[in-house]
Amino acid sequence: MELELEALRAILKPAWTVWMMLLFAGIAIYAFWPGNRRRFDALGRIPLEDDNRTARATRPEE
């Protein structure tokens, strides 16, 4: 039984590394794809926007 687990580990360890590299490459390609720039720029400006506008829109008038 232990021999089978060691063989499985020897197969899965390099496969896990390849999977993580492919996942990273996919995320990087998605993040830097030219069509996503406008949306990411808009999302990046959210912390800099005025909070009073949002607070007034969600708070009922007194």
N, C-alpha and C. Protein backbone atom coordinates (compact mmCIF):
# COMPACT_ATOMS: atom_id res chain seq x y z
N MET A 1 0.83 -1.20 0.00
CA MET A 1 0.00 0.00 0.00
C MET A 1 0.87 1.27 0.00
N GLU A 2 1.92 1.25 0.81
CA GLU A 2 2.78 2.42 0.88
C GLU A 2 3.51 2.66 -0.44
N LEU A 3 3.85 1.60 -1.12
CA LEU A 3 4.52 1.73 -2.41
C LEU A 3 3.60 2.41 -3.43
N GLU A 4 2.32 2.06 -3.38
CA GLU A 4 1.36 2.69 -4.29
C GLU A 4 1.23 4.19 -4.01
N LEU A 5 1.22 4.56 -2.73
CA LEU A 5 1.12 5.97 -2.38
C LEU A 5 2.36 6.75 -2.83
N GLU A 6 3.52 6.16 -2.69
CA GLU A 6 4.74 6.81 -3.14
C GLU A 6 4.75 6.98 -4.66
N ALA A 7 4.26 5.98 -5.38
CA ALA A 7 4.19 6.08 -6.83
C ALA A 7 3.20 7.16 -7.25
N LEU A 8 2.07 7.20 -6.54
CA LEU A 8 1.07 8.23 -6.83
C LEU A 8 1.63 9.62 -6.54
N ARG A 9 2.36 9.76 -5.43
CA ARG A 9 2.96 11.04 -5.09
C ARG A 9 3.99 11.46 -6.14
N ALA A 10 4.76 10.50 -6.64
CA ALA A 10 5.78 10.80 -7.66
C ALA A 10 5.14 11.28 -8.95
N ILE A 11 3.93 10.82 -9.23
CA ILE A 11 3.23 11.25 -10.45
C ILE A 11 2.55 12.60 -10.24
N LEU A 12 1.92 12.79 -9.09
CA LEU A 12 1.12 13.99 -8.86
C LEU A 12 1.95 15.24 -8.54
N LYS A 13 3.12 15.06 -7.97
CA LYS A 13 3.93 16.23 -7.62
C LYS A 13 4.29 17.06 -8.85
N PRO A 14 4.83 16.48 -9.92
CA PRO A 14 5.10 17.30 -11.11
C PRO A 14 3.82 17.79 -11.80
N ALA A 15 2.77 16.98 -11.74
CA ALA A 15 1.51 17.40 -12.36
C ALA A 15 0.95 18.63 -11.64
N TRP A 16 1.08 18.68 -10.33
CA TRP A 16 0.61 19.82 -9.55
C TRP A 16 1.38 21.09 -9.94
N THR A 17 2.68 20.95 -10.14
CA THR A 17 3.50 22.10 -10.54
C THR A 17 3.08 22.62 -11.91
N VAL A 18 2.86 21.71 -12.83
CA VAL A 18 2.42 22.11 -14.18
C VAL A 18 1.05 22.77 -14.10
N TRP A 19 0.14 22.22 -13.29
CA TRP A 19 -1.20 22.79 -13.15
C TRP A 19 -1.12 24.22 -12.60
N MET A 20 -0.30 24.45 -11.59
CA MET A 20 -0.17 25.79 -11.01
C MET A 20 0.44 26.77 -12.01
N MET A 21 1.40 26.33 -12.79
CA MET A 21 1.99 27.21 -13.80
C MET A 21 0.96 27.58 -14.87
N LEU A 22 0.16 26.63 -15.30
CA LEU A 22 -0.88 26.91 -16.29
C LEU A 22 -1.95 27.84 -15.72
N LEU A 23 -2.31 27.62 -14.47
CA LEU A 23 -3.30 28.49 -13.82
C LEU A 23 -2.78 29.92 -13.71
N PHE A 24 -1.53 30.08 -13.31
CA PHE A 24 -0.93 31.40 -13.21
C PHE A 24 -0.89 32.08 -14.58
N ALA A 25 -0.48 31.34 -15.60
CA ALA A 25 -0.41 31.90 -16.95
C ALA A 25 -1.79 32.34 -17.43
N GLY A 26 -2.81 31.54 -17.14
CA GLY A 26 -4.18 31.89 -17.53
C GLY A 26 -4.67 33.15 -16.85
N ILE A 27 -4.39 33.27 -15.56
CA ILE A 27 -4.81 34.47 -14.82
C ILE A 27 -4.05 35.70 -15.33
N ALA A 28 -2.76 35.55 -15.59
CA ALA A 28 -1.97 36.68 -16.09
C ALA A 28 -2.45 37.12 -17.47
N ILE A 29 -2.75 36.18 -18.34
CA ILE A 29 -3.26 36.52 -19.67
C ILE A 29 -4.61 37.23 -19.55
N TYR A 30 -5.49 36.75 -18.68
CA TYR A 30 -6.78 37.39 -18.47
C TYR A 30 -6.61 38.82 -17.94
N ALA A 31 -5.71 38.99 -16.99
CA ALA A 31 -5.52 40.31 -16.37
C ALA A 31 -4.94 41.33 -17.35
N PHE A 32 -4.07 40.89 -18.25
CA PHE A 32 -3.42 41.83 -19.15
C PHE A 32 -4.03 41.85 -20.55
N TRP A 33 -5.15 41.15 -20.75
CA TRP A 33 -5.82 41.15 -22.04
C TRP A 33 -6.32 42.57 -22.34
N PRO A 34 -6.06 43.10 -23.52
CA PRO A 34 -6.41 44.49 -23.82
C PRO A 34 -7.90 44.81 -23.64
N GLY A 35 -8.77 43.88 -23.87
CA GLY A 35 -10.20 44.14 -23.75
C GLY A 35 -10.66 44.35 -22.31
N ASN A 36 -9.88 43.94 -21.34
CA ASN A 36 -10.25 44.08 -19.94
C ASN A 36 -9.74 45.36 -19.31
N ARG A 37 -8.96 46.12 -20.02
CA ARG A 37 -8.31 47.30 -19.44
C ARG A 37 -9.32 48.33 -18.92
N ARG A 38 -10.32 48.65 -19.70
CA ARG A 38 -11.29 49.68 -19.30
C ARG A 38 -12.02 49.28 -18.02
N ARG A 39 -12.42 48.01 -17.92
CA ARG A 39 -13.13 47.54 -16.74
C ARG A 39 -12.22 47.56 -15.52
N PHE A 40 -10.97 47.10 -15.66
CA PHE A 40 -10.06 47.08 -14.53
C PHE A 40 -9.68 48.50 -14.10
N ASP A 41 -9.58 49.42 -15.04
CA ASP A 41 -9.31 50.82 -14.67
C ASP A 41 -10.48 51.38 -13.86
N ALA A 42 -11.70 51.09 -14.29
CA ALA A 42 -12.87 51.57 -13.55
C ALA A 42 -12.93 50.95 -12.15
N LEU A 43 -12.63 49.69 -12.04
CA LEU A 43 -12.63 49.03 -10.73
C LEU A 43 -11.51 49.55 -9.84
N GLY A 44 -10.40 49.93 -10.44
CA GLY A 44 -9.29 50.48 -9.67
C GLY A 44 -9.56 51.87 -9.13
N ARG A 45 -10.49 52.60 -9.74
CA ARG A 45 -10.83 53.94 -9.27
C ARG A 45 -11.86 53.93 -8.15
N ILE A 46 -12.48 52.80 -7.86
CA ILE A 46 -13.53 52.74 -6.84
C ILE A 46 -13.06 53.26 -5.49
N PRO A 47 -11.89 52.86 -4.98
CA PRO A 47 -11.47 53.38 -3.67
C PRO A 47 -11.25 54.89 -3.64
N LEU A 48 -11.04 55.50 -4.78
CA LEU A 48 -10.76 56.93 -4.83
C LEU A 48 -12.01 57.78 -5.01
N GLU A 49 -13.14 57.15 -5.25
CA GLU A 49 -14.37 57.90 -5.47
C GLU A 49 -14.93 58.43 -4.16
N ASP A 50 -15.79 59.42 -4.27
CA ASP A 50 -16.40 60.06 -3.12
C ASP A 50 -17.39 59.10 -2.46
N ASP A 51 -17.21 58.84 -1.16
CA ASP A 51 -18.10 57.94 -0.43
C ASP A 51 -19.45 58.59 -0.12
N ASN A 52 -19.54 59.91 -0.09
CA ASN A 52 -20.79 60.58 0.23
C ASN A 52 -21.86 60.31 -0.82
N ARG A 53 -21.45 60.19 -2.06
CA ARG A 53 -22.42 59.91 -3.11
C ARG A 53 -23.08 58.55 -2.88
N THR A 54 -22.30 57.56 -2.52
CA THR A 54 -22.83 56.24 -2.25
C THR A 54 -23.66 56.24 -0.98
N ALA A 55 -23.20 56.93 0.06
CA ALA A 55 -23.93 56.97 1.32
C ALA A 55 -25.29 57.64 1.15
N ARG A 56 -25.34 58.72 0.36
CA ARG A 56 -26.62 59.40 0.14
C ARG A 56 -27.58 58.54 -0.64
N ALA A 57 -27.06 57.73 -1.54
CA ALA A 57 -27.93 56.89 -2.38
C ALA A 57 -28.51 55.74 -1.57
N THR A 58 -27.83 55.28 -0.55
CA THR A 58 -28.30 54.11 0.20
C THR A 58 -29.01 54.51 1.50
N ARG A 59 -28.79 55.72 1.99
CA ARG A 59 -29.39 56.16 3.24
C ARG A 59 -30.74 56.83 2.96
N PRO A 60 -31.79 56.45 3.71
CA PRO A 60 -33.09 57.13 3.49
C PRO A 60 -33.03 58.58 3.95
N GLU A 61 -33.81 59.41 3.32
CA GLU A 61 -33.85 60.85 3.67
C GLU A 61 -34.44 61.01 5.05
N GLU A 62 -33.87 61.94 5.79
CA GLU A 62 -34.35 62.19 7.16
C GLU A 62 -35.31 63.33 7.21
